[in-house]
């Protein structure tokens, strides 16, 4: 196959790797920052409305680019379906600015009625009193109930018996492939889809086979100098072994070192520097796959719009069950209710109606590559007709989210810290050293005190 010209390096999508990591704000930062946030509240669209304007829903999100455009389409649909609601959206920068401002707004009494949060960040917010719970009876009045969601995902939104997050989507890491190369490598089934690669041996053999066809790399993965990629691929494979990781407050961490070694040894064999490169950045892996220099790419489904524009014969599948149990690293964009000092019952009602309408209009979101969390949409004929989205939709049934601890989650410093172990395994001192490095990092995090404890 003749190599295609390399495309421009794409920008990261909002769900993808952050430009920098962030720790949860300290109590002092939140209290001091609340005053500064209040001064700029009107610019952020969060200044209090008039007492008579009980239908206003101030809504914060972190969606930009293509996701931002699709969000606007969903907002337009909500406005058409509920013209009595006055939705005031505000878009904040992904990562540190967003989560810090959200926490400060809750502490300072200047929070919007609703906001988007990665489900993995909930343990750092709900226990500290930074969010209000949803009224499930009120949601049901607007057509949304717990039974409409994958149980494992819905349960991640529950803290201390109350529901604090309503999932909009699941966005997992999946396996993209060039269908033409996969066909020539003998990796497609009779339906023209990628056949099961459900063992370490089959996965490695597939990488070698497609590397021969591409003349470059087989299964490619970008992780160098990235805040999250090293952790994402380790954590999903570790979960596939069935091993547990316990991170009790104060530590030490309880890591199954034998299974961790098994995972790192497999990854070192996969990214051997010959069949598949071991030193790719996130962007260089995307560019290598889209230009035809690699036949497969392990990546978040949030890159689907870019890949559809740049890969002529694009296929996608859930990440294979390499070890014993299915599951792929995932997160979920979810709606939350930032804490209100004196909530207006009518605005609370409006916020519940808005959230219900957004999840019911999430087919638009599915077109972007995300898996709608609301089952009536995900199971609809319209969504099932989308390709390759419907080919990896089953990944939403077995999501592997971050550990339920305050310091984990999207855009966290924890991700950056633990991700370094992958590089040690595949291009440094090797898998054994990677296990020791990871164990030390996990012990360090487990020993830390939640800075938001006591904030209420």
Protein backbone atom coordinates (compact mmCIF):
# COMPACT_ATOMS: atom_id res chain seq x y z
CA UNK A 1 0.00 0.00 0.00
CA UNK A 2 1.38 3.40 -0.91
CA UNK A 3 1.64 5.68 2.12
CA UNK A 4 -0.80 8.58 2.18
CA UNK A 5 0.40 12.10 2.88
CA UNK A 6 0.46 12.80 6.59
CA UNK A 7 -2.57 14.88 7.66
CA UNK A 8 -2.31 17.90 9.89
CA UNK A 9 -1.89 16.88 13.52
CA UNK A 10 -5.40 17.11 15.02
CA UNK A 11 -6.30 19.01 18.13
CA UNK A 12 -7.34 16.91 21.12
CA UNK A 13 -11.08 16.56 21.58
CA UNK A 14 -12.72 17.73 24.76
CA UNK A 15 -12.98 14.20 26.09
CA UNK A 16 -9.39 13.36 25.31
CA UNK A 17 -6.09 14.06 27.02
CA UNK A 18 -6.04 17.35 28.90
CA UNK A 19 -3.42 19.98 28.25
CA UNK A 20 -2.49 19.88 31.92
CA UNK A 21 -3.44 18.03 35.09
CA UNK A 22 -5.26 19.44 38.07
CA UNK A 23 -5.66 18.43 41.68
CA UNK A 24 -8.90 19.08 43.53
CA UNK A 25 -8.84 22.63 44.89
CA UNK A 26 -7.84 23.03 48.51
CA UNK A 27 -10.32 24.39 51.02
CA UNK A 28 -8.40 27.66 51.13
CA UNK A 29 -8.33 27.95 47.33
CA UNK A 30 -12.06 27.38 47.11
CA UNK A 31 -12.94 29.89 49.80
CA UNK A 32 -10.59 32.57 48.50
CA UNK A 33 -11.46 31.88 44.90
CA UNK A 34 -15.19 32.17 45.43
CA UNK A 35 -14.94 35.92 45.88
CA UNK A 36 -12.94 36.36 42.69
CA UNK A 37 -15.38 34.15 40.82
CA UNK A 38 -18.31 36.23 42.03
CA UNK A 39 -16.74 39.39 40.58
CA UNK A 40 -16.70 37.79 37.14
CA UNK A 41 -19.97 35.91 37.51
CA UNK A 42 -21.91 37.90 34.96
CA UNK A 43 -19.24 37.27 32.33
CA UNK A 44 -19.60 33.54 32.96
CA UNK A 45 -23.36 33.63 32.68
CA UNK A 46 -23.88 32.74 36.32
CA UNK A 47 -25.10 35.99 37.83
CA UNK A 48 -28.36 35.57 39.72
CA UNK A 49 -31.44 36.20 37.60
CA UNK A 50 -34.41 38.20 38.71
CA UNK A 51 -36.73 36.62 41.25
CA UNK A 52 -39.48 36.43 38.63
CA UNK A 53 -37.29 34.56 36.13
CA UNK A 54 -37.90 31.12 37.62
CA UNK A 55 -37.55 29.31 34.29
CA UNK A 56 -33.89 30.20 33.71
CA UNK A 57 -31.42 27.34 33.60
CA UNK A 58 -27.80 28.46 33.74
CA UNK A 59 -25.73 25.64 32.29
CA UNK A 60 -21.95 25.20 32.36
CA UNK A 61 -20.10 22.82 30.06
CA UNK A 62 -16.58 22.13 28.81
CA UNK A 63 -17.49 21.25 25.23
CA UNK A 64 -15.69 23.04 22.42
CA UNK A 65 -15.02 22.37 18.74
CA UNK A 66 -17.19 19.67 17.17
CA UNK A 67 -18.67 18.63 20.49
CA UNK A 68 -19.57 22.24 21.18
CA UNK A 69 -21.40 22.49 17.85
CA UNK A 70 -23.39 19.33 18.56
CA UNK A 71 -24.22 20.63 22.01
CA UNK A 72 -25.70 23.74 20.40
CA UNK A 73 -27.87 21.50 18.19
CA UNK A 74 -29.15 19.72 21.30
CA UNK A 75 -29.80 23.04 23.05
CA UNK A 76 -31.80 24.23 20.04
CA UNK A 77 -33.91 21.07 20.24
CA UNK A 78 -34.56 21.69 23.94
CA UNK A 79 -35.58 25.28 23.23
CA UNK A 80 -38.03 24.07 20.58
CA UNK A 81 -39.49 21.38 22.84
CA UNK A 82 -39.65 23.50 25.99
CA UNK A 83 -39.94 27.17 24.97
CA UNK A 84 -40.84 28.06 28.56
CA UNK A 85 -37.25 27.29 29.63
CA UNK A 86 -34.65 30.03 29.27
CA UNK A 87 -31.36 28.18 28.91
CA UNK A 88 -28.22 30.27 29.45
CA UNK A 89 -25.16 28.18 28.48
CA UNK A 90 -21.55 29.02 29.32
CA UNK A 91 -18.51 27.16 27.98
CA UNK A 92 -15.39 27.02 30.16
CA UNK A 93 -11.95 25.64 29.31
CA UNK A 94 -11.37 21.89 29.73
CA UNK A 95 -9.44 20.68 32.74
CA UNK A 96 -8.05 22.84 35.54
CA UNK A 97 -10.10 26.00 34.90
CA UNK A 98 -13.35 24.12 34.61
CA UNK A 99 -13.23 21.93 37.69
CA UNK A 100 -11.69 24.61 39.89
CA UNK A 101 -14.33 27.18 38.92
CA UNK A 102 -17.11 24.65 39.38
CA UNK A 103 -15.97 23.91 42.92
CA UNK A 104 -15.49 27.56 43.76
CA UNK A 105 -18.90 28.49 42.39
CA UNK A 106 -20.54 25.87 44.61
CA UNK A 107 -18.70 27.09 47.70
CA UNK A 108 -19.33 30.75 46.92
CA UNK A 109 -23.05 30.45 46.27
CA UNK A 110 -22.75 31.52 42.62
CA UNK A 111 -23.25 28.18 40.94
CA UNK A 112 -25.32 27.54 37.80
CA UNK A 113 -28.45 25.41 38.02
CA UNK A 114 -26.72 22.54 36.23
CA UNK A 115 -23.34 21.64 34.76
CA UNK A 116 -21.47 18.85 33.02
CA UNK A 117 -18.98 16.79 35.01
CA UNK A 118 -16.98 13.69 34.17
CA UNK A 119 -18.49 10.90 36.25
CA UNK A 120 -14.99 9.94 37.39
CA UNK A 121 -14.69 13.30 39.19
CA UNK A 122 -17.82 12.81 41.29
CA UNK A 123 -16.02 11.33 44.36
CA UNK A 124 -14.10 14.61 44.70
CA UNK A 125 -17.27 16.72 44.72
CA UNK A 126 -20.38 14.95 46.07
CA UNK A 127 -18.91 13.88 49.44
CA UNK A 128 -17.63 17.42 50.07
CA UNK A 129 -21.07 18.96 49.73
CA UNK A 130 -20.31 20.68 46.43
CA UNK A 131 -23.32 19.20 44.63
CA UNK A 132 -27.05 18.83 45.30
CA UNK A 133 -28.79 15.48 44.67
CA UNK A 134 -31.37 14.95 41.95
CA UNK A 135 -35.06 14.42 42.73
CA UNK A 136 -35.70 11.12 40.93
CA UNK A 137 -39.48 11.54 41.11
CA UNK A 138 -39.12 14.86 39.34
CA UNK A 139 -36.86 13.35 36.67
CA UNK A 140 -39.38 10.55 36.15
CA UNK A 141 -42.06 13.17 35.60
CA UNK A 142 -40.01 14.28 32.58
CA UNK A 143 -39.53 10.75 31.24
CA UNK A 144 -36.14 9.72 32.66
CA UNK A 145 -35.69 6.92 35.23
CA UNK A 146 -32.86 4.79 36.59
CA UNK A 147 -34.08 1.86 34.50
CA UNK A 148 -33.17 3.79 31.34
CA UNK A 149 -29.42 3.43 31.97
CA UNK A 150 -26.77 0.72 32.24
CA UNK A 151 -26.82 -0.21 35.96
CA UNK A 152 -23.05 0.04 36.50
CA UNK A 153 -22.98 3.52 35.00
CA UNK A 154 -26.05 4.77 36.87
CA UNK A 155 -24.69 3.49 40.18
CA UNK A 156 -21.51 5.53 39.75
CA UNK A 157 -23.67 8.62 40.12
CA UNK A 158 -24.90 7.56 43.57
CA UNK A 159 -23.31 8.76 46.80
CA UNK A 160 -24.61 7.94 50.26
CA UNK A 161 -27.92 6.73 48.83
CA UNK A 162 -28.66 9.82 46.70
CA UNK A 163 -28.19 10.34 42.96
CA UNK A 164 -25.81 13.19 42.12
CA UNK A 165 -25.09 12.61 38.43
CA UNK A 166 -27.23 11.76 35.38
CA UNK A 167 -25.10 10.28 32.58
CA UNK A 168 -25.27 11.75 29.10
CA UNK A 169 -22.90 9.26 27.50
CA UNK A 170 -20.21 6.68 27.86
CA UNK A 171 -17.00 7.51 26.02
CA UNK A 172 -14.75 4.44 25.99
CA UNK A 173 -11.39 3.67 24.49
CA UNK A 174 -12.02 1.48 21.45
CA UNK A 175 -10.07 -0.19 18.64
CA UNK A 176 -10.10 1.60 15.28
CA UNK A 177 -8.87 -0.25 12.20
CA UNK A 178 -8.42 0.18 8.48
CA UNK A 179 -10.90 -2.30 7.00
CA UNK A 180 -8.87 -2.78 3.82
CA UNK A 181 -5.69 -3.61 5.72
CA UNK A 182 -7.56 -5.83 8.16
CA UNK A 183 -9.10 -7.75 5.27
CA UNK A 184 -5.71 -8.34 3.64
CA UNK A 185 -4.33 -9.42 7.01
CA UNK A 186 -7.10 -12.00 7.38
CA UNK A 187 -8.61 -10.33 10.43
CA UNK A 188 -12.22 -9.88 9.27
CA UNK A 189 -15.11 -12.27 9.81
CA UNK A 190 -17.70 -13.29 7.23
CA UNK A 191 -19.69 -10.10 7.90
CA UNK A 192 -16.68 -7.92 7.12
CA UNK A 193 -16.18 -6.96 10.77
CA UNK A 194 -13.08 -7.40 12.89
CA UNK A 195 -13.04 -10.90 14.30
CA UNK A 196 -12.65 -11.48 18.02
CA UNK A 197 -9.12 -11.00 19.32
CA UNK A 198 -9.92 -12.33 22.76
CA UNK A 199 -6.58 -13.48 24.12
CA UNK A 200 -3.12 -11.97 24.48
CA UNK A 201 -1.85 -14.29 21.76
CA UNK A 202 -4.57 -13.37 19.26
CA UNK A 203 -4.15 -9.66 19.93
CA UNK A 204 -0.39 -9.80 19.44
CA UNK A 205 -0.72 -11.94 16.31
CA UNK A 206 -3.21 -9.47 14.86
CA UNK A 207 -0.75 -6.64 15.46
CA UNK A 208 2.00 -8.53 13.68
CA UNK A 209 -0.26 -9.47 10.77
CA UNK A 210 -1.53 -5.97 10.12
CA UNK A 211 1.98 -4.53 10.49
CA UNK A 212 3.07 -6.70 7.57
CA UNK A 213 0.25 -5.25 5.46
CA UNK A 214 0.81 -1.63 6.49
CA UNK A 215 4.56 -1.86 6.07
CA UNK A 216 4.82 0.15 9.27
CA UNK A 217 3.16 -0.40 12.62
CA UNK A 218 0.49 -2.83 13.70
CA UNK A 219 -1.65 -1.80 16.67
CA UNK A 220 -0.51 1.67 17.65
CA UNK A 221 -0.97 3.62 20.88
CA UNK A 222 0.19 7.11 21.80
CA UNK A 223 1.20 7.69 25.40
CA UNK A 224 4.50 9.58 25.66
CA UNK A 225 4.29 12.82 27.67
CA UNK A 226 0.54 12.36 28.02
CA UNK A 227 -1.41 12.96 31.21
CA UNK A 228 -3.74 9.96 30.98
CA UNK A 229 -2.91 7.45 28.26
CA UNK A 230 -0.53 5.29 30.30
CA UNK A 231 -3.13 4.86 33.02
CA UNK A 232 -6.04 4.25 30.64
CA UNK A 233 -4.56 1.20 28.95
CA UNK A 234 -3.14 -0.27 32.16
CA UNK A 235 -6.34 0.18 34.14
CA UNK A 236 -8.63 -1.46 31.60
CA UNK A 237 -6.33 -4.45 31.16
CA UNK A 238 -5.86 -4.80 34.93
CA UNK A 239 -9.65 -4.87 35.31
CA UNK A 240 -9.86 -7.50 32.59
CA UNK A 241 -7.79 -9.82 34.78
CA UNK A 242 -10.41 -9.59 37.52
CA UNK A 243 -7.87 -8.22 40.00
CA UNK A 244 -8.90 -5.59 42.53
CA UNK A 245 -7.18 -2.36 43.48
CA UNK A 246 -7.99 -0.94 46.90
CA UNK A 247 -6.97 2.59 47.83
CA UNK A 248 -8.02 3.02 51.47
CA UNK A 249 -7.77 6.47 53.02
CA UNK A 250 -4.29 6.72 54.50
CA UNK A 251 -2.97 3.76 52.50
CA UNK A 252 -1.20 1.61 51.72
CA UNK A 253 -2.62 0.73 48.32
CA UNK A 254 -3.55 -2.91 47.73
CA UNK A 255 -2.34 -3.74 44.23
CA UNK A 256 -2.22 -7.28 42.85
CA UNK A 257 1.40 -7.16 41.73
CA UNK A 258 1.27 -10.47 39.88
CA UNK A 259 -1.59 -9.30 37.68
CA UNK A 260 -0.01 -5.87 37.25
CA UNK A 261 3.15 -7.59 36.04
CA UNK A 262 1.08 -9.69 33.66
CA UNK A 263 -0.44 -6.52 32.18
CA UNK A 264 2.84 -4.63 31.84
CA UNK A 265 4.55 -7.70 30.32
CA UNK A 266 1.82 -7.95 27.69
CA UNK A 267 2.09 -4.24 26.86
CA UNK A 268 5.87 -4.49 26.58
CA UNK A 269 5.46 -7.33 24.09
CA UNK A 270 2.82 -5.39 22.14
CA UNK A 271 4.79 -2.13 21.99
CA UNK A 272 8.09 -3.82 21.26
CA UNK A 273 9.53 -0.98 19.19
CA UNK A 274 9.47 -3.14 16.08
CA UNK A 275 5.96 -4.41 15.28
CA UNK A 276 4.50 -1.43 17.13
CA UNK A 277 6.33 1.69 18.23
CA UNK A 278 6.82 2.26 21.93
CA UNK A 279 7.52 5.99 21.97
CA UNK A 280 4.55 7.64 20.24
CA UNK A 281 2.80 10.74 21.49
CA UNK A 282 -0.98 10.91 21.38
CA UNK A 283 -0.90 13.10 18.27
CA UNK A 284 1.75 11.09 16.44
CA UNK A 285 -0.25 7.88 16.94
CA UNK A 286 -3.34 9.56 15.47
CA UNK A 287 -1.35 10.90 12.55
CA UNK A 288 0.34 7.54 11.93
CA UNK A 289 -2.96 5.71 11.72
CA UNK A 290 -4.77 8.32 9.64
CA UNK A 291 -1.89 8.42 7.14
CA UNK A 292 -1.82 4.64 6.66
CA UNK A 293 1.46 4.03 8.47
CA UNK A 294 -0.37 1.87 11.04
CA UNK A 295 -3.27 -0.52 10.54
CA UNK A 296 -4.95 -0.20 13.95
CA UNK A 297 -5.27 2.45 16.64
CA UNK A 298 -6.28 2.11 20.28
CA UNK A 299 -7.91 5.43 21.09
CA UNK A 300 -10.95 7.11 22.60
CA UNK A 301 -14.08 7.14 20.46
CA UNK A 302 -14.06 10.95 20.78
CA UNK A 303 -11.61 11.01 17.86
CA UNK A 304 -14.23 9.51 15.52
CA UNK A 305 -15.09 12.77 13.69
CA UNK A 306 -11.42 13.41 12.87
CA UNK A 307 -10.84 9.81 11.79
CA UNK A 308 -13.95 9.74 9.58
CA UNK A 309 -12.55 12.73 7.74
CA UNK A 310 -9.08 11.21 7.31
CA UNK A 311 -9.39 7.42 7.04
CA UNK A 312 -11.17 6.18 3.93
CA UNK A 313 -11.91 2.64 5.13
CA UNK A 314 -12.56 3.15 8.84
CA UNK A 315 -13.79 0.36 11.07
CA UNK A 316 -14.20 0.28 14.84
CA UNK A 317 -14.82 -2.31 17.52
CA UNK A 318 -14.93 -2.48 21.31
CA UNK A 319 -11.53 -3.01 22.85
CA UNK A 320 -11.02 -6.82 22.81
CA UNK A 321 -11.28 -8.97 25.92
CA UNK A 322 -7.56 -9.65 26.01
CA UNK A 323 -7.70 -11.28 29.44
CA UNK A 324 -10.58 -12.97 31.27
CA UNK A 325 -13.27 -10.28 31.64
CA UNK A 326 -14.70 -7.77 29.15
CA UNK A 327 -14.29 -4.06 29.74
CA UNK A 328 -12.62 -0.98 28.34
CA UNK A 329 -11.48 2.21 29.96
CA UNK A 330 -14.26 4.76 29.83
CA UNK A 331 -15.68 7.85 31.41
CA UNK A 332 -19.06 9.50 31.23
CA UNK A 333 -20.11 13.08 30.69
CA UNK A 334 -22.86 13.56 33.23
CA UNK A 335 -25.16 16.33 34.40
CA UNK A 336 -24.84 17.52 38.00
CA UNK A 337 -26.56 20.13 40.16
CA UNK A 338 -23.92 22.39 41.72
CA UNK A 339 -24.84 23.30 45.27
CA UNK A 340 -27.21 26.22 45.70
CA UNK A 341 -27.27 28.15 49.00
CA UNK A 342 -30.97 28.96 48.65
CA UNK A 343 -32.38 26.96 45.73
CA UNK A 344 -35.51 28.27 44.02
CA UNK A 345 -37.91 25.29 43.72
CA UNK A 346 -39.06 26.42 40.28
CA UNK A 347 -35.49 26.71 38.99
CA UNK A 348 -34.73 23.29 40.44
CA UNK A 349 -37.71 21.94 38.53
CA UNK A 350 -36.56 23.68 35.36
CA UNK A 351 -33.07 22.18 35.75
CA UNK A 352 -34.52 18.67 36.05
CA UNK A 353 -36.63 19.19 32.94
CA UNK A 354 -33.59 20.50 31.05
CA UNK A 355 -31.42 17.52 32.01
CA UNK A 356 -34.16 15.07 31.04
CA UNK A 357 -34.59 16.72 27.65
CA UNK A 358 -30.85 16.72 26.99
CA UNK A 359 -30.46 12.99 27.56
CA UNK A 360 -33.59 12.33 25.50
CA UNK A 361 -32.06 14.33 22.63
CA UNK A 362 -28.69 12.56 22.77
CA UNK A 363 -28.89 10.95 19.32
CA UNK A 364 -27.06 14.06 18.13
CA UNK A 365 -24.38 13.28 20.70
CA UNK A 366 -24.12 9.73 19.42
CA UNK A 367 -23.43 11.02 15.92
CA UNK A 368 -20.21 12.52 17.32
CA UNK A 369 -19.03 9.07 18.41
CA UNK A 370 -20.11 9.06 22.05
CA UNK A 371 -22.35 6.21 23.18
CA UNK A 372 -25.65 7.63 24.46
CA UNK A 373 -26.20 6.59 28.07
CA UNK A 374 -29.97 6.83 27.75
CA UNK A 375 -31.03 3.36 26.57
CA UNK A 376 -34.10 4.41 24.55
CA UNK A 377 -31.75 6.46 22.35
CA UNK A 378 -28.90 3.93 22.24
CA UNK A 379 -31.30 1.11 21.32
CA UNK A 380 -33.19 3.16 18.72
CA UNK A 381 -33.16 2.28 15.04
CA UNK A 382 -31.65 5.68 14.28
CA UNK A 383 -28.61 5.09 16.50
CA UNK A 384 -28.20 1.47 15.42
CA UNK A 385 -28.02 2.68 11.81
CA UNK A 386 -24.93 4.78 12.59
CA UNK A 387 -21.64 3.22 11.52
CA UNK A 388 -19.14 2.56 12.90
CA UNK A 389 -20.74 3.84 16.14
CA UNK A 390 -23.11 0.90 16.49
CA UNK A 391 -20.20 -1.50 15.96
CA UNK A 392 -18.61 -0.50 19.26
CA UNK A 393 -21.78 0.43 21.19
CA UNK A 394 -21.54 -2.71 23.31
CA UNK A 395 -18.48 -1.17 24.98
CA UNK A 396 -20.94 1.01 26.86
CA UNK A 397 -22.27 -2.06 28.68
CA UNK A 398 -18.98 -2.82 30.45
CA UNK A 399 -17.31 0.54 31.16
CA UNK A 400 -14.18 0.59 33.30
CA UNK A 401 -14.20 3.93 35.09
CA UNK A 402 -11.51 5.21 37.41
CA UNK A 403 -11.36 4.01 41.04
CA UNK A 404 -13.97 5.75 43.20
CA UNK A 405 -11.56 7.96 45.11
CA UNK A 406 -11.39 11.73 45.40
CA UNK A 407 -8.05 12.13 43.63
CA UNK A 408 -8.78 10.14 40.45
CA UNK A 409 -10.72 11.08 37.34
CA UNK A 410 -10.43 13.05 34.13
CA UNK A 411 -7.86 15.82 34.14
CA UNK A 412 -6.42 14.79 37.50
CA UNK A 413 -2.82 14.95 38.63
CA UNK A 414 -3.26 11.30 39.63
CA UNK A 415 -3.50 10.33 35.95
CA UNK A 416 -0.27 12.09 35.15
CA UNK A 417 1.54 10.43 38.05
CA UNK A 418 0.49 6.83 37.42
CA UNK A 419 0.77 7.08 33.63
CA UNK A 420 4.56 7.22 33.84
CA UNK A 421 4.68 3.50 34.67
CA UNK A 422 3.74 2.49 31.14
CA UNK A 423 6.77 4.20 29.66
CA UNK A 424 8.96 2.44 32.22
CA UNK A 425 7.45 -0.89 31.15
CA UNK A 426 7.79 -0.51 27.38
CA UNK A 427 10.88 1.63 26.87
CA UNK A 428 12.58 1.95 30.23
CA UNK A 429 13.65 -0.54 32.85
CA UNK A 430 10.94 -3.07 32.02
CA UNK A 431 7.70 -4.51 33.44
CA UNK A 432 9.03 -5.42 36.90
CA UNK A 433 10.30 -1.88 37.47
CA UNK A 434 6.99 -0.52 36.21
CA UNK A 435 5.07 -2.50 38.83
CA UNK A 436 7.27 -1.12 41.60
CA UNK A 437 6.95 2.41 40.27
CA UNK A 438 3.17 2.14 40.06
CA UNK A 439 2.91 0.67 43.56
CA UNK A 440 4.92 3.56 45.03
CA UNK A 441 2.75 6.10 43.24
CA UNK A 442 -0.47 4.45 44.40
CA UNK A 443 0.78 4.35 48.00
CA UNK A 444 1.59 8.05 47.81
CA UNK A 445 -1.87 8.97 46.57
CA UNK A 446 -3.71 6.77 49.05
CA UNK A 447 -1.85 8.49 51.89
CA UNK A 448 -3.08 11.96 50.93
CA UNK A 449 -5.92 13.78 52.65
CA UNK A 450 -8.88 15.02 50.63
CA UNK A 451 -8.50 18.83 50.63
CA UNK A 452 -12.25 19.35 50.25
CA UNK A 453 -13.17 17.44 53.39
CA UNK A 454 -15.16 19.60 55.72
CA UNK A 455 -16.25 22.05 53.00
CA UNK A 456 -20.01 22.45 53.28
